[in-house]
C-alpha atoms as a PDB file:
ATOM      1  CA  MET A   1       4.836 -28.377  -3.720  1.00  0.00           C
ATOM      2  CA  ALA A   2       6.829 -25.481  -2.281  1.00  0.00           C
ATOM      3  CA  ALA A   3       8.470 -23.027  -4.637  1.00  0.00           C
ATOM      4  CA  GLN A   4      12.212 -23.330  -5.093  1.00  0.00           C
ATOM      5  CA  PRO A   5      14.447 -20.288  -4.531  1.00  0.00           C
ATOM      6  CA  GLY A   6      13.989 -17.847  -7.387  1.00  0.00           C
ATOM      7  CA  GLN A   7      10.699 -19.452  -8.470  1.00  0.00           C
ATOM      8  CA  VAL A   8       7.228 -17.944  -8.278  1.00  0.00           C
ATOM      9  CA  PRO A   9       5.019 -19.820  -5.760  1.00  0.00           C
ATOM     10  CA  PRO A  10       2.307 -22.045  -7.304  1.00  0.00           C
ATOM     11  CA  GLY A  11      -0.952 -20.164  -7.870  1.00  0.00           C
ATOM     12  CA  ASN A  12       0.801 -16.788  -7.973  1.00  0.00           C
ATOM     13  CA  THR A  13       1.481 -16.549 -11.699  1.00  0.00           C
ATOM     14  CA  LEU A  14      -0.523 -13.940 -13.610  1.00  0.00           C
ATOM     15  CA  ARG A  15      -1.368 -13.991 -17.281  1.00  0.00           C
ATOM     16  CA  VAL A  16      -1.412 -10.279 -18.134  1.00  0.00           C
ATOM     17  CA  ASP A  17      -0.181  -6.993 -16.705  1.00  0.00           C
ATOM     18  CA  CYS A  18      -2.602  -4.699 -18.531  1.00  0.00           C
ATOM     19  CA  HIS A  19      -0.937  -1.368 -17.787  1.00  0.00           C
ATOM     20  CA  ALA A  20       2.776  -0.615 -17.996  1.00  0.00           C
ATOM     21  CA  HIS A  21       4.979   1.954 -19.708  1.00  0.00           C
ATOM     22  CA  VAL A  22       8.364   1.770 -21.403  1.00  0.00           C
ATOM     23  CA  PHE A  23      10.629   4.657 -22.350  1.00  0.00           C
ATOM     24  CA  ASP A  24      14.230   5.710 -22.640  1.00  0.00           C
ATOM     25  CA  ALA A  25      15.872   8.678 -20.969  1.00  0.00           C
ATOM     26  CA  ALA A  26      15.963  10.825 -24.102  1.00  0.00           C
ATOM     27  CA  MET A  27      12.416  10.581 -25.424  1.00  0.00           C
ATOM     28  CA  PRO A  28      10.819  13.866 -26.507  1.00  0.00           C
ATOM     29  CA  ALA A  29       8.443  15.290 -23.918  1.00  0.00           C
ATOM     30  CA  SER A  30       5.129  16.911 -24.715  1.00  0.00           C
ATOM     31  CA  PRO A  31       4.837  20.627 -23.839  1.00  0.00           C
ATOM     32  CA  THR A  32       2.049  19.630 -21.430  1.00  0.00           C
ATOM     33  CA  ALA A  33       3.986  16.812 -19.712  1.00  0.00           C
ATOM     34  CA  TRP A  34       3.170  16.716 -15.992  1.00  0.00           C
ATOM     35  CA  THR A  35       6.643  15.352 -15.205  1.00  0.00           C
ATOM     36  CA  VAL A  36       9.671  14.139 -17.179  1.00  0.00           C
ATOM     37  CA  PRO A  37      11.507  11.038 -15.909  1.00  0.00           C
ATOM     38  CA  ASP A  38      15.281  11.290 -15.840  1.00  0.00           C
ATOM     39  CA  TYR A  39      15.769   7.526 -16.216  1.00  0.00           C
ATOM     40  CA  ALA A  40      14.916   4.731 -18.639  1.00  0.00           C
ATOM     41  CA  PHE A  41      12.495   1.845 -18.178  1.00  0.00           C
ATOM     42  CA  THR A  42      12.917  -0.376 -21.200  1.00  0.00           C
ATOM     43  CA  ALA A  43      10.951  -3.356 -22.444  1.00  0.00           C
ATOM     44  CA  GLN A  44      13.812  -5.499 -21.167  1.00  0.00           C
ATOM     45  CA  ASP A  45      13.418  -3.929 -17.716  1.00  0.00           C
ATOM     46  CA  LEU A  46       9.700  -4.653 -17.756  1.00  0.00           C
ATOM     47  CA  LEU A  47      10.152  -8.221 -18.960  1.00  0.00           C
ATOM     48  CA  ALA A  48      12.704  -8.815 -16.213  1.00  0.00           C
ATOM     49  CA  GLN A  49      10.197  -7.654 -13.597  1.00  0.00           C
ATOM     50  CA  MET A  50       7.535  -9.860 -15.153  1.00  0.00           C
ATOM     51  CA  ALA A  51       9.824 -12.889 -15.127  1.00  0.00           C
ATOM     52  CA  ALA A  52      10.768 -12.309 -11.496  1.00  0.00           C
ATOM     53  CA  HIS A  53       7.122 -12.125 -10.437  1.00  0.00           C
ATOM     54  CA  GLY A  54       5.452 -14.708 -12.675  1.00  0.00           C
ATOM     55  CA  VAL A  55       3.670 -12.432 -15.160  1.00  0.00           C
ATOM     56  CA  GLU A  56       3.357 -13.861 -18.656  1.00  0.00           C
ATOM     57  CA  HIS A  57       2.192 -10.986 -20.896  1.00  0.00           C
ATOM     58  CA  ALA A  58       1.892  -7.206 -20.708  1.00  0.00           C
ATOM     59  CA  VAL A  59       0.074  -4.337 -22.372  1.00  0.00           C
ATOM     60  CA  LEU A  60       1.992  -1.102 -22.843  1.00  0.00           C
ATOM     61  CA  SER A  61      -0.006   2.094 -22.399  1.00  0.00           C
ATOM     62  CA  GLY A  62       0.725   5.157 -24.470  1.00  0.00           C
ATOM     63  CA  LEU A  63       2.880   7.491 -22.393  1.00  0.00           C
ATOM     64  CA  SER A  64       1.126  10.813 -21.827  1.00  0.00           C
ATOM     65  CA  ILE A  65       4.454  12.492 -21.155  1.00  0.00           C
ATOM     66  CA  SER A  66       5.473  11.970 -24.795  1.00  0.00           C
ATOM     67  CA  GLY A  67       2.107  12.637 -26.406  1.00  0.00           C
ATOM     68  CA  ASP A  68       1.684  10.897 -29.763  1.00  0.00           C
ATOM     69  CA  TYR A  69       5.349   9.882 -29.973  1.00  0.00           C
ATOM     70  CA  ASN A  70       4.697   6.135 -29.974  1.00  0.00           C
ATOM     71  CA  ASP A  71       7.874   5.119 -31.785  1.00  0.00           C
ATOM     72  CA  TYR A  72       9.748   3.661 -28.816  1.00  0.00           C
ATOM     73  CA  MET A  73       6.755   1.641 -27.651  1.00  0.00           C
ATOM     74  CA  ILE A  74       6.036   0.308 -31.139  1.00  0.00           C
ATOM     75  CA  ARG A  75       9.628  -0.841 -31.602  1.00  0.00           C
ATOM     76  CA  SER A  76       9.316  -2.656 -28.283  1.00  0.00           C
ATOM     77  CA  LEU A  77       6.148  -4.386 -29.509  1.00  0.00           C
ATOM     78  CA  ARG A  78       7.873  -5.481 -32.704  1.00  0.00           C
ATOM     79  CA  ALA A  79      10.665  -7.067 -30.695  1.00  0.00           C
ATOM     80  CA  HIS A  80       8.559  -8.838 -28.065  1.00  0.00           C
ATOM     81  CA  PRO A  81       5.477 -10.892 -29.076  1.00  0.00           C
ATOM     82  CA  ARG A  82       4.347 -11.142 -25.441  1.00  0.00           C
ATOM     83  CA  LEU A  83       3.550  -7.420 -25.484  1.00  0.00           C
ATOM     84  CA  ARG A  84       0.633  -5.432 -26.879  1.00  0.00           C
ATOM     85  CA  GLY A  85       0.052  -1.675 -26.740  1.00  0.00           C
ATOM     86  CA  THR A  86      -2.337   1.223 -26.880  1.00  0.00           C
ATOM     87  CA  ALA A  87      -1.246   4.381 -28.673  1.00  0.00           C
ATOM     88  CA  ILE A  88      -1.930   8.057 -28.153  1.00  0.00           C
ATOM     89  CA  VAL A  89      -2.787   9.232 -31.653  1.00  0.00           C
ATOM     90  CA  ASN A  90      -3.608  12.454 -33.409  1.00  0.00           C
ATOM     91  CA  PRO A  91      -7.348  12.430 -34.222  1.00  0.00           C
ATOM     92  CA  MET A  92      -6.404  12.967 -37.858  1.00  0.00           C
ATOM     93  CA  ALA A  93      -4.504   9.651 -37.990  1.00  0.00           C
ATOM     94  CA  ASP A  94      -5.379   7.917 -41.250  1.00  0.00           C
ATOM     95  CA  LEU A  95      -6.466   4.321 -41.776  1.00  0.00           C
ATOM     96  CA  TYR A  96      -3.147   3.189 -43.253  1.00  0.00           C
ATOM     97  CA  THR A  97      -1.209   4.441 -40.232  1.00  0.00           C
ATOM     98  CA  LEU A  98      -3.593   2.736 -37.829  1.00  0.00           C
ATOM     99  CA  GLU A  99      -3.506  -0.513 -39.799  1.00  0.00           C
ATOM    100  CA  ARG A 100       0.285  -0.530 -39.667  1.00  0.00           C
ATOM    101  CA  MET A 101       0.125   0.083 -35.917  1.00  0.00           C
ATOM    102  CA  GLN A 102      -2.237  -2.870 -35.613  1.00  0.00           C
ATOM    103  CA  ALA A 103       0.235  -5.085 -37.468  1.00  0.00           C
ATOM    104  CA  ASP A 104       2.900  -4.040 -34.957  1.00  0.00           C
ATOM    105  CA  GLY A 105       0.801  -4.989 -31.919  1.00  0.00           C
ATOM    106  CA  ILE A 106      -1.321  -1.911 -31.174  1.00  0.00           C
ATOM    107  CA  VAL A 107      -4.803  -2.922 -30.009  1.00  0.00           C
ATOM    108  CA  GLY A 108      -6.377   0.410 -29.080  1.00  0.00           C
ATOM    109  CA  ILE A 109      -5.963   4.126 -28.621  1.00  0.00           C
ATOM    110  CA  ARG A 110      -5.402   5.889 -25.337  1.00  0.00           C
ATOM    111  CA  LEU A 111      -7.178   9.123 -24.497  1.00  0.00           C
ATOM    112  CA  GLN A 112      -5.011  10.721 -21.828  1.00  0.00           C
ATOM    113  CA  LEU A 113      -7.407  13.368 -20.531  1.00  0.00           C
ATOM    114  CA  ALA A 114      -6.251  13.679 -16.919  1.00  0.00           C
ATOM    115  CA  ARG A 115      -5.237  17.158 -15.824  1.00  0.00           C
ATOM    116  CA  ARG A 116      -7.029  18.643 -18.840  1.00  0.00           C
ATOM    117  CA  SER A 117      -9.055  21.809 -18.380  1.00  0.00           C
ATOM    118  CA  GLU A 118     -10.846  21.276 -21.702  1.00  0.00           C
ATOM    119  CA  LEU A 119     -12.044  17.995 -23.179  1.00  0.00           C
ATOM    120  CA  PRO A 120     -12.018  17.064 -26.878  1.00  0.00           C
ATOM    121  CA  ASP A 121     -15.142  17.601 -28.943  1.00  0.00           C
ATOM    122  CA  PHE A 122     -16.069  13.994 -29.628  1.00  0.00           C
ATOM    123  CA  ASP A 123     -18.850  15.159 -31.943  1.00  0.00           C
ATOM    124  CA  SER A 124     -16.349  16.858 -34.249  1.00  0.00           C
ATOM    125  CA  PHE A 125     -15.702  15.332 -37.659  1.00  0.00           C
ATOM    126  CA  GLU A 126     -12.112  14.489 -36.672  1.00  0.00           C
ATOM    127  CA  TYR A 127     -13.137  12.482 -33.626  1.00  0.00           C
ATOM    128  CA  ARG A 128     -16.116  10.847 -35.310  1.00  0.00           C
ATOM    129  CA  LYS A 129     -13.721   9.604 -38.008  1.00  0.00           C
ATOM    130  CA  LEU A 130     -11.196   8.394 -35.458  1.00  0.00           C
ATOM    131  CA  LEU A 131     -13.761   6.562 -33.368  1.00  0.00           C
ATOM    132  CA  ARG A 132     -15.274   4.914 -36.440  1.00  0.00           C
ATOM    133  CA  ARG A 133     -11.813   3.703 -37.449  1.00  0.00           C
ATOM    134  CA  VAL A 134     -11.190   2.394 -33.938  1.00  0.00           C
ATOM    135  CA  ARG A 135     -14.480   0.503 -34.068  1.00  0.00           C
ATOM    136  CA  ASP A 136     -13.826  -0.888 -37.543  1.00  0.00           C
ATOM    137  CA  LEU A 137     -10.375  -2.141 -36.483  1.00  0.00           C
ATOM    138  CA  GLY A 138     -11.863  -3.960 -33.505  1.00  0.00           C
ATOM    139  CA  TRP A 139      -9.836  -1.808 -31.126  1.00  0.00           C
ATOM    140  CA  HIS A 140     -10.903  -0.165 -27.885  1.00  0.00           C
ATOM    141  CA  VAL A 141     -10.545   3.313 -26.417  1.00  0.00           C
ATOM    142  CA  GLN A 142      -8.526   3.448 -23.207  1.00  0.00           C
ATOM    143  CA  VAL A 143      -9.582   6.405 -21.073  1.00  0.00           C
ATOM    144  CA  ALA A 144      -7.527   8.117 -18.388  1.00  0.00           C
ATOM    145  CA  ILE A 145      -9.436  10.927 -16.699  1.00  0.00           C
ATOM    146  CA  GLU A 146     -10.500  12.176 -13.293  1.00  0.00           C
ATOM    147  CA  GLY A 147     -13.794  10.685 -12.137  1.00  0.00           C
ATOM    148  CA  PRO A 148     -15.871  13.893 -12.111  1.00  0.00           C
ATOM    149  CA  GLN A 149     -15.334  14.255 -15.877  1.00  0.00           C
ATOM    150  CA  LEU A 150     -15.884  10.589 -16.688  1.00  0.00           C
ATOM    151  CA  PRO A 151     -19.666  10.760 -17.342  1.00  0.00           C
ATOM    152  CA  GLU A 152     -19.355  13.355 -20.095  1.00  0.00           C
ATOM    153  CA  VAL A 153     -16.656  11.290 -21.827  1.00  0.00           C
ATOM    154  CA  LEU A 154     -18.295   7.877 -21.562  1.00  0.00           C
ATOM    155  CA  GLN A 155     -21.559   8.980 -23.141  1.00  0.00           C
ATOM    156  CA  PRO A 156     -20.149   9.997 -26.567  1.00  0.00           C
ATOM    157  CA  LEU A 157     -17.683   7.103 -26.671  1.00  0.00           C
ATOM    158  CA  LEU A 158     -20.371   4.505 -26.063  1.00  0.00           C
ATOM    159  CA  ALA A 159     -22.680   6.284 -28.504  1.00  0.00           C
ATOM    160  CA  ALA A 160     -19.937   5.924 -31.130  1.00  0.00           C
ATOM    161  CA  GLY A 161     -20.082   2.152 -30.715  1.00  0.00           C
ATOM    162  CA  VAL A 162     -16.525   1.652 -29.481  1.00  0.00           C
ATOM    163  CA  ASN A 163     -15.352  -0.580 -26.668  1.00  0.00           C
ATOM    164  CA  VAL A 164     -13.947   1.309 -23.674  1.00  0.00           C
ATOM    165  CA  VAL A 165     -11.300   0.458 -21.078  1.00  0.00           C
ATOM    166  CA  ILE A 166     -11.171   2.778 -18.064  1.00  0.00           C
ATOM    167  CA  ASP A 167      -7.807   3.310 -16.387  1.00  0.00           C
ATOM    168  CA  HIS A 168      -7.020   3.358 -12.691  1.00  0.00           C
ATOM    169  CA  PHE A 169     -10.403   2.409 -11.165  1.00  0.00           C
ATOM    170  CA  GLY A 170     -11.984   5.367 -12.968  1.00  0.00           C
ATOM    171  CA  HIS A 171     -10.292   7.800 -10.554  1.00  0.00           C
ATOM    172  CA  PRO A 172     -13.418   8.140  -8.372  1.00  0.00           C
ATOM    173  CA  ASP A 173     -13.873  11.282  -6.300  1.00  0.00           C
ATOM    174  CA  PRO A 174     -11.769  10.772  -3.134  1.00  0.00           C
ATOM    175  CA  ALA A 175     -14.478  12.513  -1.102  1.00  0.00           C
ATOM    176  CA  ASP A 176     -17.094   9.853  -1.925  1.00  0.00           C
ATOM    177  CA  PRO A 177     -15.547   7.194  -4.162  1.00  0.00           C
ATOM    178  CA  LEU A 178     -18.440   4.705  -4.287  1.00  0.00           C
ATOM    179  CA  GLN A 179     -21.345   7.127  -4.688  1.00  0.00           C
ATOM    180  CA  CYS A 180     -19.802   9.809  -6.885  1.00  0.00           C
ATOM    181  CA  ALA A 181     -21.165  10.448 -10.370  1.00  0.00           C
ATOM    182  CA  GLY A 182     -18.047   9.110 -12.076  1.00  0.00           C
ATOM    183  CA  PHE A 183     -18.186   5.748 -10.321  1.00  0.00           C
ATOM    184  CA  GLN A 184     -21.900   5.366 -11.036  1.00  0.00           C
ATOM    185  CA  ALA A 185     -21.399   6.278 -14.705  1.00  0.00           C
ATOM    186  CA  MET A 186     -18.630   3.694 -14.914  1.00  0.00           C
ATOM    187  CA  LEU A 187     -20.893   0.973 -13.527  1.00  0.00           C
ATOM    188  CA  ALA A 188     -23.595   1.911 -16.033  1.00  0.00           C
ATOM    189  CA  ALA A 189     -21.038   1.749 -18.845  1.00  0.00           C
ATOM    190  CA  VAL A 190     -19.969  -1.739 -17.762  1.00  0.00           C
ATOM    191  CA  ASP A 191     -23.602  -2.815 -17.929  1.00  0.00           C
ATOM    192  CA  THR A 192     -23.601  -2.052 -21.676  1.00  0.00           C
ATOM    193  CA  GLY A 193     -21.205  -4.982 -22.210  1.00  0.00           C
ATOM    194  CA  ARG A 194     -18.683  -2.728 -23.960  1.00  0.00           C
ATOM    195  CA  CYS A 195     -16.669  -1.409 -21.018  1.00  0.00           C
ATOM    196  CA  TRP A 196     -13.879  -2.821 -18.843  1.00  0.00           C
ATOM    197  CA  VAL A 197     -12.248  -1.335 -15.719  1.00  0.00           C
ATOM    198  CA  LYS A 198      -8.599  -1.619 -14.737  1.00  0.00           C
ATOM    199  CA  LEU A 199      -7.517  -2.347 -11.193  1.00  0.00           C
ATOM    200  CA  SER A 200      -4.361  -0.337 -11.752  1.00  0.00           C
ATOM    201  CA  GLY A 201      -2.569   2.617 -10.252  1.00  0.00           C
ATOM    202  CA  GLY A 202      -4.360   2.233  -6.926  1.00  0.00           C
ATOM    203  CA  PHE A 203      -1.685   4.374  -5.330  1.00  0.00           C
ATOM    204  CA  ARG A 204      -2.853   7.264  -7.540  1.00  0.00           C
ATOM    205  CA  LEU A 205      -6.437   7.319  -6.253  1.00  0.00           C
ATOM    206  CA  PRO A 206      -5.919  10.008  -3.582  1.00  0.00           C
ATOM    207  CA  GLY A 207      -5.693  12.451  -6.517  1.00  0.00           C
ATOM    208  CA  THR A 208      -3.576  13.371  -9.506  1.00  0.00           C
ATOM    209  CA  ALA A 209      -1.647  15.942  -7.449  1.00  0.00           C
ATOM    210  CA  ALA A 210      -1.232  13.797  -4.322  1.00  0.00           C
ATOM    211  CA  TRP A 211       2.233  12.650  -5.322  1.00  0.00           C
ATOM    212  CA  ARG A 212       3.389  16.230  -4.775  1.00  0.00           C
ATOM    213  CA  GLU A 213       0.983  17.457  -2.108  1.00  0.00           C
ATOM    214  CA  ASP A 214       1.063  14.437   0.207  1.00  0.00           C
ATOM    215  CA  PRO A 215       3.940  12.194  -0.897  1.00  0.00           C
ATOM    216  CA  ASP A 216       3.836  10.192   2.349  1.00  0.00           C
ATOM    217  CA  GLY A 217       0.047   9.791   2.491  1.00  0.00           C
ATOM    218  CA  ASP A 218      -2.075   6.636   2.575  1.00  0.00           C
ATOM    219  CA  LEU A 219      -1.848   4.927  -0.810  1.00  0.00           C
ATOM    220  CA  GLU A 220      -3.728   1.720  -0.013  1.00  0.00           C
ATOM    221  CA  SER A 221      -7.086   2.104   1.711  1.00  0.00           C
ATOM    222  CA  MET A 222      -9.046   3.848  -1.034  1.00  0.00           C
ATOM    223  CA  ALA A 223      -7.967   1.369  -3.696  1.00  0.00           C
ATOM    224  CA  ALA A 224      -8.907  -1.543  -1.417  1.00  0.00           C
ATOM    225  CA  LEU A 225     -12.373  -0.043  -0.857  1.00  0.00           C
ATOM    226  CA  VAL A 226     -13.032   0.567  -4.546  1.00  0.00           C
ATOM    227  CA  ALA A 227     -11.583  -2.790  -5.613  1.00  0.00           C
ATOM    228  CA  ALA A 228     -13.929  -4.650  -3.270  1.00  0.00           C
ATOM    229  CA  ALA A 229     -16.926  -2.769  -4.663  1.00  0.00           C
ATOM    230  CA  LEU A 230     -15.880  -3.429  -8.259  1.00  0.00           C
ATOM    231  CA  LEU A 231     -15.248  -7.103  -7.657  1.00  0.00           C
ATOM    232  CA  GLU A 232     -18.737  -7.478  -6.197  1.00  0.00           C
ATOM    233  CA  ARG A 233     -20.566  -5.254  -8.685  1.00  0.00           C
ATOM    234  CA  VAL A 234     -18.633  -5.749 -11.929  1.00  0.00           C
ATOM    235  CA  GLY A 235     -17.225  -9.262 -11.692  1.00  0.00           C
ATOM    236  CA  THR A 236     -14.144 -10.821 -13.204  1.00  0.00           C
ATOM    237  CA  ASP A 237     -15.340 -10.746 -16.816  1.00  0.00           C
ATOM    238  CA  ARG A 238     -15.112  -6.937 -16.914  1.00  0.00           C
ATOM    239  CA  LEU A 239     -12.071  -6.360 -14.701  1.00  0.00           C
ATOM    240  CA  LEU A 240      -8.400  -6.128 -15.652  1.00  0.00           C
ATOM    241  CA  TRP A 241      -5.257  -5.741 -13.580  1.00  0.00           C
ATOM    242  CA  GLY A 242      -2.257  -3.524 -14.338  1.00  0.00           C
ATOM    243  CA  SER A 243       0.902  -2.651 -12.432  1.00  0.00           C
ATOM    244  CA  ASP A 244       1.397   0.887 -13.814  1.00  0.00           C
ATOM    245  CA  ALA A 245       5.140   0.143 -13.809  1.00  0.00           C
ATOM    246  CA  PRO A 246       7.479   1.946 -13.436  1.00  0.00           C
ATOM    247  CA  PHE A 247       5.179   4.005 -11.158  1.00  0.00           C
ATOM    248  CA  VAL A 248       6.129   7.429 -12.498  1.00  0.00           C
ATOM    249  CA  GLY A 249       6.069   9.978  -9.684  1.00  0.00           C
ATOM    250  CA  TYR A 250       6.041   7.229  -7.043  1.00  0.00           C
ATOM    251  CA  GLU A 251       9.289   5.441  -7.869  1.00  0.00           C
ATOM    252  CA  GLN A 252      10.617   5.878  -4.328  1.00  0.00           C
ATOM    253  CA  ARG A 253       7.534   4.330  -2.710  1.00  0.00           C
ATOM    254  CA  ILE A 254       6.169   1.666  -5.050  1.00  0.00           C
ATOM    255  CA  THR A 255       7.705  -1.541  -6.428  1.00  0.00           C
ATOM    256  CA  TYR A 256       6.439  -4.299  -8.687  1.00  0.00           C
ATOM    257  CA  ALA A 257       6.297  -6.652  -5.705  1.00  0.00           C
ATOM    258  CA  GLN A 258       4.134  -4.147  -3.815  1.00  0.00           C
ATOM    259  CA  VAL A 259       1.545  -3.703  -6.559  1.00  0.00           C
ATOM    260  CA  LEU A 260       1.271  -7.471  -6.885  1.00  0.00           C
ATOM    261  CA  GLU A 261       0.809  -7.772  -3.132  1.00  0.00           C
ATOM    262  CA  SER A 262      -1.947  -5.158  -3.275  1.00  0.00           C
ATOM    263  CA  TYR A 263      -3.665  -6.966  -6.137  1.00  0.00           C
ATOM    264  CA  ARG A 264      -3.645 -10.245  -4.248  1.00  0.00           C
ATOM    265  CA  LYS A 265      -5.227  -8.501  -1.271  1.00  0.00           C
ATOM    266  CA  TRP A 266      -7.926  -6.973  -3.485  1.00  0.00           C
ATOM    267  CA  VAL A 267      -8.605 -10.334  -5.153  1.00  0.00           C
ATOM    268  CA  PRO A 268      -7.487 -12.976  -2.644  1.00  0.00           C
ATOM    269  CA  ASP A 269      -8.990 -15.920  -4.542  1.00  0.00           C
ATOM    270  CA  ALA A 270      -6.454 -17.259  -7.075  1.00  0.00           C
ATOM    271  CA  ALA A 271      -9.287 -18.657  -9.213  1.00  0.00           C
ATOM    272  CA  ARG A 272     -10.825 -15.203  -9.568  1.00  0.00           C
ATOM    273  CA  ARG A 273      -7.448 -13.707 -10.433  1.00  0.00           C
ATOM    274  CA  ALA A 274      -7.151 -16.384 -13.111  1.00  0.00           C
ATOM    275  CA  GLU A 275     -10.553 -15.345 -14.476  1.00  0.00           C
ATOM    276  CA  ILE A 276      -9.377 -11.718 -14.673  1.00  0.00           C
ATOM    277  CA  GLY A 277      -6.313 -12.952 -16.545  1.00  0.00           C
ATOM    278  CA  ASP A 278      -8.544 -14.813 -18.992  1.00  0.00           C
ATOM    279  CA  THR A 279     -10.548 -11.622 -19.527  1.00  0.00           C
ATOM    280  CA  ALA A 280      -7.329  -9.780 -20.379  1.00  0.00           C
ATOM    281  CA  MET A 281      -6.160 -12.456 -22.805  1.00  0.00           C
ATOM    282  CA  LYS A 282      -9.465 -12.307 -24.690  1.00  0.00           C
ATOM    283  CA  LEU A 283      -9.416  -8.515 -24.867  1.00  0.00           C
ATOM    284  CA  TYR A 284      -5.777  -7.943 -25.797  1.00  0.00           C
ATOM    285  CA  PHE A 285      -4.380 -11.153 -27.299  1.00  0.00           C
ATOM    286  CA  SER A 286      -7.221 -12.980 -29.060  1.00  0.00           C
END
């Protein structure tokens, strides 16, 4: 049956967008923010995009630009049961705070380590406490970091017994995305059974500075290459998809329709996309 005007074509609905952000135009910015949007993208804006494109649920990622100011996201989770979230937290966050976050729809913490010259000491008492609390809550650690630094982060996280979700394909080295150390470490982490990889932010793979240095460059081919390798090597039970809406830094080039089109090219089989959606529902909404 053909879709009616304004309807999503059969087979094109998606269960979960696993990576999106919401914010207003007056949120406090971290001193280390890499950019500061001058517009709002609210939960209502996101839900409208989801409705227009046949997406049922979404997971909000902690916004690096605002550091551990999770208030706006948490209020959005309270208002919309179809949303879950991951929070950027201070490593000293206590159990009662984390339990309240869990009641509001938080399902993990986000380590936003991209563009960092120095990584946290995961063997410190503060981080060992935090990771134990994450594990005890049944949460996961969402990691955003450039591929070359990924191996030294994955090792202590997996040793701590936490589940790990890797953002944006693991940001493999653009010079050799499929053979670089970060990509290989990511595959090894998946083999432990405690790691998932997001097919998200493919337009960011040319590099974390590419949006400034080459704003008109190729945003598709590297993601397509890496997605094909992940689909073959990792399989649908360890892959997730996320839009990265509202595409901060790329607002003039990327739309929700475009990221969905890219995803359907990466995973052309609707049955396999459905399996990835099932994986997301088990991880975030079970």
